[in-house]
């Protein structure tokens, strides 16, 4: 298997953090959070891996969203 670049590792790390945060949500809405995370990552799967500006922007956006949705007050997502 090929070694991953730094950006690829960051994207995978963000995805794992998102999945870990879903475990902290109520059981009945956990699948909604997991589905949302998967859809957000799949939405941008076609971004060229050499488009560093776009990837870095999406990582920043993803971290902000993760921080917002990690709040204990948010119990469900659509």
PDB file of N, CA and C in Angstrom:
ATOM      1  N   UNK A   1       0.841  -1.181   0.000  1.00  0.00           N
ATOM      2  CA  UNK A   1       0.000   0.000   0.000  1.00  0.00           C
ATOM      3  C   UNK A   1       0.888   1.247   0.000  1.00  0.00           C
ATOM      4  N   UNK A   2       0.485   2.235  -0.787  1.00  0.00           N
ATOM      5  CA  UNK A   2       1.254   3.469  -0.891  1.00  0.00           C
ATOM      6  C   UNK A   2       1.150   4.275   0.401  1.00  0.00           C
ATOM      7  N   UNK A   3       2.203   5.013   0.667  1.00  0.00           N
ATOM      8  CA  UNK A   3       2.182   5.879   1.846  1.00  0.00           C
ATOM      9  C   UNK A   3       1.261   7.055   1.592  1.00  0.00           C
ATOM     10  N   UNK A   4       0.631   7.501   2.651  1.00  0.00           N
ATOM     11  CA  UNK A   4      -0.309   8.621   2.539  1.00  0.00           C
ATOM     12  C   UNK A   4       0.424   9.939   2.729  1.00  0.00           C
ATOM     13  N   UNK A   5      -0.026  10.939   2.000  1.00  0.00           N
ATOM     14  CA  UNK A   5       0.541  12.278   2.155  1.00  0.00           C
ATOM     15  C   UNK A   5       0.010  12.889   3.455  1.00  0.00           C
ATOM     16  N   UNK A   6       0.566  14.014   3.815  1.00  0.00           N
ATOM     17  CA  UNK A   6       0.128  14.697   5.032  1.00  0.00           C
ATOM     18  C   UNK A   6      -1.332  15.115   4.969  1.00  0.00           C
ATOM     19  N   UNK A   7      -1.746  15.630   3.826  1.00  0.00           N
ATOM     20  CA  UNK A   7      -3.150  16.048   3.685  1.00  0.00           C
ATOM     21  C   UNK A   7      -4.086  14.852   3.729  1.00  0.00           C
ATOM     22  N   UNK A   8      -3.688  13.746   3.122  1.00  0.00           N
ATOM     23  CA  UNK A   8      -4.521  12.548   3.155  1.00  0.00           C
ATOM     24  C   UNK A   8      -4.688  12.059   4.593  1.00  0.00           C
ATOM     25  N   UNK A   9      -3.602  12.115   5.352  1.00  0.00           N
ATOM     26  CA  UNK A   9      -3.690  11.707   6.766  1.00  0.00           C
ATOM     27  C   UNK A   9      -4.595  12.649   7.547  1.00  0.00           C
ATOM     28  N   UNK A  10      -4.536  13.947   7.238  1.00  0.00           N
ATOM     29  CA  UNK A  10      -5.401  14.915   7.928  1.00  0.00           C
ATOM     30  C   UNK A  10      -6.873  14.663   7.623  1.00  0.00           C
ATOM     31  N   UNK A  11      -7.182  14.341   6.366  1.00  0.00           N
ATOM     32  CA  UNK A  11      -8.568  14.067   5.984  1.00  0.00           C
ATOM     33  C   UNK A  11      -9.068  12.820   6.718  1.00  0.00           C
ATOM     34  N   UNK A  12      -8.262  11.776   6.733  1.00  0.00           N
ATOM     35  CA  UNK A  12      -8.661  10.554   7.443  1.00  0.00           C
ATOM     36  C   UNK A  12      -8.816  10.805   8.939  1.00  0.00           C
ATOM     37  N   UNK A  13      -7.933  11.615   9.484  1.00  0.00           N
ATOM     38  CA  UNK A  13      -8.014  11.955  10.901  1.00  0.00           C
ATOM     39  C   UNK A  13      -9.320  12.697  11.207  1.00  0.00           C
ATOM     40  N   UNK A  14      -9.674  13.648  10.349  1.00  0.00           N
ATOM     41  CA  UNK A  14     -10.925  14.391  10.550  1.00  0.00           C
ATOM     42  C   UNK A  14     -12.122  13.448  10.464  1.00  0.00           C
ATOM     43  N   UNK A  15     -12.095  12.521   9.514  1.00  0.00           N
ATOM     44  CA  UNK A  15     -13.199  11.566   9.368  1.00  0.00           C
ATOM     45  C   UNK A  15     -13.332  10.695  10.619  1.00  0.00           C
ATOM     46  N   UNK A  16     -12.202  10.231  11.138  1.00  0.00           N
ATOM     47  CA  UNK A  16     -12.240   9.413  12.359  1.00  0.00           C
ATOM     48  C   UNK A  16     -12.759  10.226  13.543  1.00  0.00           C
ATOM     49  N   UNK A  17     -12.362  11.485  13.632  1.00  0.00           N
ATOM     50  CA  UNK A  17     -12.868  12.340  14.715  1.00  0.00           C
ATOM     51  C   UNK A  17     -14.377  12.506  14.614  1.00  0.00           C
ATOM     52  N   UNK A  18     -14.862  12.670  13.386  1.00  0.00           N
ATOM     53  CA  UNK A  18     -16.311  12.802  13.186  1.00  0.00           C
ATOM     54  C   UNK A  18     -17.032  11.542  13.652  1.00  0.00           C
ATOM     55  N   UNK A  19     -16.496  10.390  13.294  1.00  0.00           N
ATOM     56  CA  UNK A  19     -17.134   9.137  13.698  1.00  0.00           C
ATOM     57  C   UNK A  19     -17.061   8.937  15.213  1.00  0.00           C
ATOM     58  N   UNK A  20     -15.973   9.370  15.822  1.00  0.00           N
ATOM     59  CA  UNK A  20     -15.865   9.259  17.286  1.00  0.00           C
ATOM     60  C   UNK A  20     -16.889  10.149  17.975  1.00  0.00           C
ATOM     61  N   UNK A  21     -17.116  11.324  17.423  1.00  0.00           N
ATOM     62  CA  UNK A  21     -18.095  12.240  18.013  1.00  0.00           C
ATOM     63  C   UNK A  21     -19.511  11.687  17.919  1.00  0.00           C
ATOM     64  N   UNK A  22     -19.788  10.894  16.893  1.00  0.00           N
ATOM     65  CA  UNK A  22     -21.134  10.332  16.774  1.00  0.00           C
ATOM     66  C   UNK A  22     -21.443   9.408  17.946  1.00  0.00           C
ATOM     67  N   UNK A  23     -20.419   8.801  18.501  1.00  0.00           N
ATOM     68  CA  UNK A  23     -20.640   7.900  19.648  1.00  0.00           C
ATOM     69  C   UNK A  23     -21.105   8.640  20.891  1.00  0.00           C
ATOM     70  N   UNK A  24     -20.910   9.937  20.937  1.00  0.00           N
ATOM     71  CA  UNK A  24     -21.313  10.729  22.095  1.00  0.00           C
ATOM     72  C   UNK A  24     -22.748  11.232  21.987  1.00  0.00           C
ATOM     73  N   UNK A  25     -23.361  11.012  20.829  1.00  0.00           N
ATOM     74  CA  UNK A  25     -24.719  11.489  20.599  1.00  0.00           C
ATOM     75  C   UNK A  25     -25.723  10.435  21.061  1.00  0.00           C
ATOM     76  N   UNK A  26     -26.984  10.834  21.285  1.00  0.00           N
ATOM     77  CA  UNK A  26     -28.008   9.868  21.714  1.00  0.00           C
ATOM     78  C   UNK A  26     -28.138   8.720  20.710  1.00  0.00           C
ATOM     79  N   UNK A  27     -28.408   7.549  21.222  1.00  0.00           N
ATOM     80  CA  UNK A  27     -28.454   6.342  20.398  1.00  0.00           C
ATOM     81  C   UNK A  27     -29.442   6.459  19.246  1.00  0.00           C
ATOM     82  N   UNK A  28     -30.584   7.077  19.489  1.00  0.00           N
ATOM     83  CA  UNK A  28     -31.607   7.143  18.450  1.00  0.00           C
ATOM     84  C   UNK A  28     -31.247   8.085  17.303  1.00  0.00           C
ATOM     85  N   UNK A  29     -30.323   9.022  17.507  1.00  0.00           N
ATOM     86  CA  UNK A  29     -29.943   9.949  16.436  1.00  0.00           C
ATOM     87  C   UNK A  29     -28.520   9.713  15.934  1.00  0.00           C
ATOM     88  N   UNK A  30     -27.833   8.761  16.494  1.00  0.00           N
ATOM     89  CA  UNK A  30     -26.444   8.501  16.134  1.00  0.00           C
ATOM     90  C   UNK A  30     -26.286   8.204  14.646  1.00  0.00           C
ATOM     91  N   UNK A  31     -27.208   7.433  14.085  1.00  0.00           N
ATOM     92  CA  UNK A  31     -27.093   7.076  12.672  1.00  0.00           C
ATOM     93  C   UNK A  31     -27.242   8.308  11.776  1.00  0.00           C
ATOM     94  N   UNK A  32     -28.027   9.296  12.203  1.00  0.00           N
ATOM     95  CA  UNK A  32     -28.160  10.529  11.423  1.00  0.00           C
ATOM     96  C   UNK A  32     -26.824  11.264  11.325  1.00  0.00           C
ATOM     97  N   UNK A  33     -26.088  11.321  12.427  1.00  0.00           N
ATOM     98  CA  UNK A  33     -24.788  11.993  12.436  1.00  0.00           C
ATOM     99  C   UNK A  33     -23.789  11.240  11.559  1.00  0.00           C
ATOM    100  N   UNK A  34     -23.798   9.917  11.662  1.00  0.00           N
ATOM    101  CA  UNK A  34     -22.871   9.107  10.873  1.00  0.00           C
ATOM    102  C   UNK A  34     -23.170   9.256   9.379  1.00  0.00           C
ATOM    103  N   UNK A  35     -24.443   9.242   9.022  1.00  0.00           N
ATOM    104  CA  UNK A  35     -24.836   9.401   7.624  1.00  0.00           C
ATOM    105  C   UNK A  35     -24.446  10.785   7.112  1.00  0.00           C
ATOM    106  N   UNK A  36     -24.649  11.812   7.941  1.00  0.00           N
ATOM    107  CA  UNK A  36     -24.299  13.172   7.545  1.00  0.00           C
ATOM    108  C   UNK A  36     -22.789  13.286   7.293  1.00  0.00           C
ATOM    109  N   UNK A  37     -21.988  12.722   8.190  1.00  0.00           N
ATOM    110  CA  UNK A  37     -20.533  12.791   8.034  1.00  0.00           C
ATOM    111  C   UNK A  37     -20.112  12.095   6.745  1.00  0.00           C
ATOM    112  N   UNK A  38     -20.654  10.917   6.507  1.00  0.00           N
ATOM    113  CA  UNK A  38     -20.301  10.172   5.300  1.00  0.00           C
ATOM    114  C   UNK A  38     -20.690  10.957   4.051  1.00  0.00           C
ATOM    115  N   UNK A  39     -21.893  11.542   4.036  1.00  0.00           N
ATOM    116  CA  UNK A  39     -22.354  12.294   2.869  1.00  0.00           C
ATOM    117  C   UNK A  39     -21.474  13.522   2.608  1.00  0.00           C
ATOM    118  N   UNK A  40     -21.055  14.201   3.685  1.00  0.00           N
ATOM    119  CA  UNK A  40     -20.204  15.381   3.516  1.00  0.00           C
ATOM    120  C   UNK A  40     -18.855  14.994   2.912  1.00  0.00           C
ATOM    121  N   UNK A  41     -18.275  13.891   3.346  1.00  0.00           N
ATOM    122  CA  UNK A  41     -16.989  13.476   2.797  1.00  0.00           C
ATOM    123  C   UNK A  41     -17.151  12.966   1.366  1.00  0.00           C
ATOM    124  N   UNK A  42     -18.232  12.252   1.090  1.00  0.00           N
ATOM    125  CA  UNK A  42     -18.455  11.747  -0.268  1.00  0.00           C
ATOM    126  C   UNK A  42     -18.768  12.870  -1.255  1.00  0.00           C
ATOM    127  N   UNK A  43     -19.340  13.957  -0.754  1.00  0.00           N
ATOM    128  CA  UNK A  43     -19.687  15.087  -1.617  1.00  0.00           C
ATOM    129  C   UNK A  43     -18.436  15.652  -2.301  1.00  0.00           C
ATOM    130  N   UNK A  44     -17.309  15.599  -1.615  1.00  0.00           N
ATOM    131  CA  UNK A  44     -16.086  16.208  -2.134  1.00  0.00           C
ATOM    132  C   UNK A  44     -15.043  15.171  -2.535  1.00  0.00           C
ATOM    133  N   UNK A  45     -15.474  13.958  -2.788  1.00  0.00           N
ATOM    134  CA  UNK A  45     -14.524  12.897  -3.140  1.00  0.00           C
ATOM    135  C   UNK A  45     -13.863  13.159  -4.492  1.00  0.00           C
ATOM    136  N   UNK A  46     -14.503  13.946  -5.341  1.00  0.00           N
ATOM    137  CA  UNK A  46     -13.967  14.192  -6.675  1.00  0.00           C
ATOM    138  C   UNK A  46     -12.937  15.328  -6.706  1.00  0.00           C
ATOM    139  N   UNK A  47     -12.647  15.938  -5.570  1.00  0.00           N
ATOM    140  CA  UNK A  47     -11.650  17.011  -5.537  1.00  0.00           C
ATOM    141  C   UNK A  47     -10.285  16.411  -5.875  1.00  0.00           C
ATOM    142  N   UNK A  48      -9.592  17.052  -6.786  1.00  0.00           N
ATOM    143  CA  UNK A  48      -8.273  16.582  -7.203  1.00  0.00           C
ATOM    144  C   UNK A  48      -7.328  16.590  -6.003  1.00  0.00           C
ATOM    145  N   UNK A  49      -6.587  15.497  -5.821  1.00  0.00           N
ATOM    146  CA  UNK A  49      -5.715  15.408  -4.648  1.00  0.00           C
ATOM    147  C   UNK A  49      -4.541  16.382  -4.697  1.00  0.00           C
ATOM    148  N   UNK A  50      -4.327  17.036  -5.834  1.00  0.00           N
ATOM    149  CA  UNK A  50      -3.268  18.037  -5.929  1.00  0.00           C
ATOM    150  C   UNK A  50      -3.802  19.462  -5.778  1.00  0.00           C
ATOM    151  N   UNK A  51      -5.094  19.592  -5.551  1.00  0.00           N
ATOM    152  CA  UNK A  51      -5.698  20.904  -5.340  1.00  0.00           C
ATOM    153  C   UNK A  51      -5.613  21.240  -3.841  1.00  0.00           C
ATOM    154  N   UNK A  52      -4.425  21.628  -3.416  1.00  0.00           N
ATOM    155  CA  UNK A  52      -4.146  21.822  -1.996  1.00  0.00           C
ATOM    156  C   UNK A  52      -4.993  22.910  -1.363  1.00  0.00           C
ATOM    157  N   UNK A  53      -5.229  23.980  -2.100  1.00  0.00           N
ATOM    158  CA  UNK A  53      -6.031  25.076  -1.548  1.00  0.00           C
ATOM    159  C   UNK A  53      -7.441  24.615  -1.219  1.00  0.00           C
ATOM    160  N   UNK A  54      -8.047  23.874  -2.128  1.00  0.00           N
ATOM    161  CA  UNK A  54      -9.407  23.393  -1.898  1.00  0.00           C
ATOM    162  C   UNK A  54      -9.442  22.413  -0.725  1.00  0.00           C
ATOM    163  N   UNK A  55      -8.469  21.528  -0.671  1.00  0.00           N
ATOM    164  CA  UNK A  55      -8.440  20.528   0.401  1.00  0.00           C
ATOM    165  C   UNK A  55      -8.240  21.195   1.750  1.00  0.00           C
ATOM    166  N   UNK A  56      -7.319  22.145   1.811  1.00  0.00           N
ATOM    167  CA  UNK A  56      -7.087  22.839   3.073  1.00  0.00           C
ATOM    168  C   UNK A  56      -8.327  23.628   3.499  1.00  0.00           C
ATOM    169  N   UNK A  57      -9.009  24.258   2.544  1.00  0.00           N
ATOM    170  CA  UNK A  57     -10.241  24.970   2.854  1.00  0.00           C
ATOM    171  C   UNK A  57     -11.290  24.004   3.412  1.00  0.00           C
ATOM    172  N   UNK A  58     -11.463  22.860   2.753  1.00  0.00           N
ATOM    173  CA  UNK A  58     -12.454  21.878   3.193  1.00  0.00           C
ATOM    174  C   UNK A  58     -12.094  21.309   4.561  1.00  0.00           C
ATOM    175  N   UNK A  59     -10.809  21.144   4.840  1.00  0.00           N
ATOM    176  CA  UNK A  59     -10.402  20.677   6.171  1.00  0.00           C
ATOM    177  C   UNK A  59     -10.770  21.701   7.239  1.00  0.00           C
ATOM    178  N   UNK A  60     -10.508  22.979   6.969  1.00  0.00           N
ATOM    179  CA  UNK A  60     -10.866  24.025   7.928  1.00  0.00           C
ATOM    180  C   UNK A  60     -12.373  24.047   8.146  1.00  0.00           C
ATOM    181  N   UNK A  61     -13.117  23.968   7.053  1.00  0.00           N
ATOM    182  CA  UNK A  61     -14.576  23.957   7.135  1.00  0.00           C
ATOM    183  C   UNK A  61     -15.055  22.741   7.932  1.00  0.00           C
ATOM    184  N   UNK A  62     -14.451  21.597   7.684  1.00  0.00           N
ATOM    185  CA  UNK A  62     -14.826  20.371   8.393  1.00  0.00           C
ATOM    186  C   UNK A  62     -14.541  20.459   9.881  1.00  0.00           C
ATOM    187  N   UNK A  63     -13.410  21.040  10.238  1.00  0.00           N
ATOM    188  CA  UNK A  63     -13.082  21.200  11.664  1.00  0.00           C
ATOM    189  C   UNK A  63     -14.081  22.129  12.353  1.00  0.00           C
ATOM    190  N   UNK A  64     -14.479  23.194  11.657  1.00  0.00           N
ATOM    191  CA  UNK A  64     -15.470  24.111  12.233  1.00  0.00           C
ATOM    192  C   UNK A  64     -16.815  23.410  12.427  1.00  0.00           C
ATOM    193  N   UNK A  65     -17.223  22.634  11.425  1.00  0.00           N
ATOM    194  CA  UNK A  65     -18.483  21.900  11.538  1.00  0.00           C
ATOM    195  C   UNK A  65     -18.414  20.876  12.665  1.00  0.00           C
ATOM    196  N   UNK A  66     -17.290  20.185  12.775  1.00  0.00           N
ATOM    197  CA  UNK A  66     -17.131  19.191  13.830  1.00  0.00           C
ATOM    198  C   UNK A  66     -17.227  19.854  15.196  1.00  0.00           C
ATOM    199  N   UNK A  67     -16.585  20.996  15.343  1.00  0.00           N
ATOM    200  CA  UNK A  67     -16.640  21.720  16.613  1.00  0.00           C
ATOM    201  C   UNK A  67     -18.076  22.133  16.951  1.00  0.00           C
ATOM    202  N   UNK A  68     -18.804  22.586  15.928  1.00  0.00           N
ATOM    203  CA  UNK A  68     -20.180  23.020  16.149  1.00  0.00           C
ATOM    204  C   UNK A  68     -21.072  21.822  16.513  1.00  0.00           C
ATOM    205  N   UNK A  69     -20.971  20.733  15.772  1.00  0.00           N
ATOM    206  CA  UNK A  69     -21.836  19.580  16.005  1.00  0.00           C
ATOM    207  C   UNK A  69     -21.419  18.758  17.222  1.00  0.00           C
ATOM    208  N   UNK A  70     -20.213  19.002  17.741  1.00  0.00           N
ATOM    209  CA  UNK A  70     -19.758  18.291  18.933  1.00  0.00           C
ATOM    210  C   UNK A  70     -20.419  18.821  20.196  1.00  0.00           C
ATOM    211  N   UNK A  71     -21.021  19.973  20.087  1.00  0.00           N
ATOM    212  CA  UNK A  71     -21.677  20.591  21.232  1.00  0.00           C
ATOM    213  C   UNK A  71     -22.723  19.646  21.818  1.00  0.00           C
ATOM    214  N   UNK A  72     -22.740  19.493  23.134  1.00  0.00           N
ATOM    215  CA  UNK A  72     -23.718  18.592  23.752  1.00  0.00           C
ATOM    216  C   UNK A  72     -25.163  19.036  23.545  1.00  0.00           C
ATOM    217  N   UNK A  73     -25.375  20.308  23.236  1.00  0.00           N
ATOM    218  CA  UNK A  73     -26.733  20.801  23.027  1.00  0.00           C
ATOM    219  C   UNK A  73     -27.349  20.337  21.722  1.00  0.00           C
ATOM    220  N   UNK A  74     -26.513  19.945  20.782  1.00  0.00           N
ATOM    221  CA  UNK A  74     -27.027  19.462  19.493  1.00  0.00           C
ATOM    222  C   UNK A  74     -27.259  17.964  19.599  1.00  0.00           C
ATOM    223  N   UNK A  75     -28.510  17.582  19.487  1.00  0.00           N
ATOM    224  CA  UNK A  75     -28.874  16.178  19.680  1.00  0.00           C
ATOM    225  C   UNK A  75     -29.259  15.456  18.403  1.00  0.00           C
ATOM    226  N   UNK A  76     -29.568  16.209  17.346  1.00  0.00           N
ATOM    227  CA  UNK A  76     -29.966  15.572  16.093  1.00  0.00           C
ATOM    228  C   UNK A  76     -29.519  16.428  14.917  1.00  0.00           C
ATOM    229  N   UNK A  77     -29.394  15.784  13.778  1.00  0.00           N
ATOM    230  CA  UNK A  77     -28.990  16.460  12.543  1.00  0.00           C
ATOM    231  C   UNK A  77     -29.802  15.846  11.413  1.00  0.00           C
ATOM    232  N   UNK A  78     -30.083  16.620  10.401  1.00  0.00           N
ATOM    233  CA  UNK A  78     -30.862  16.074   9.271  1.00  0.00           C
ATOM    234  C   UNK A  78     -30.058  16.063   8.025  1.00  0.00           C
TER     235      UNK A  78
END
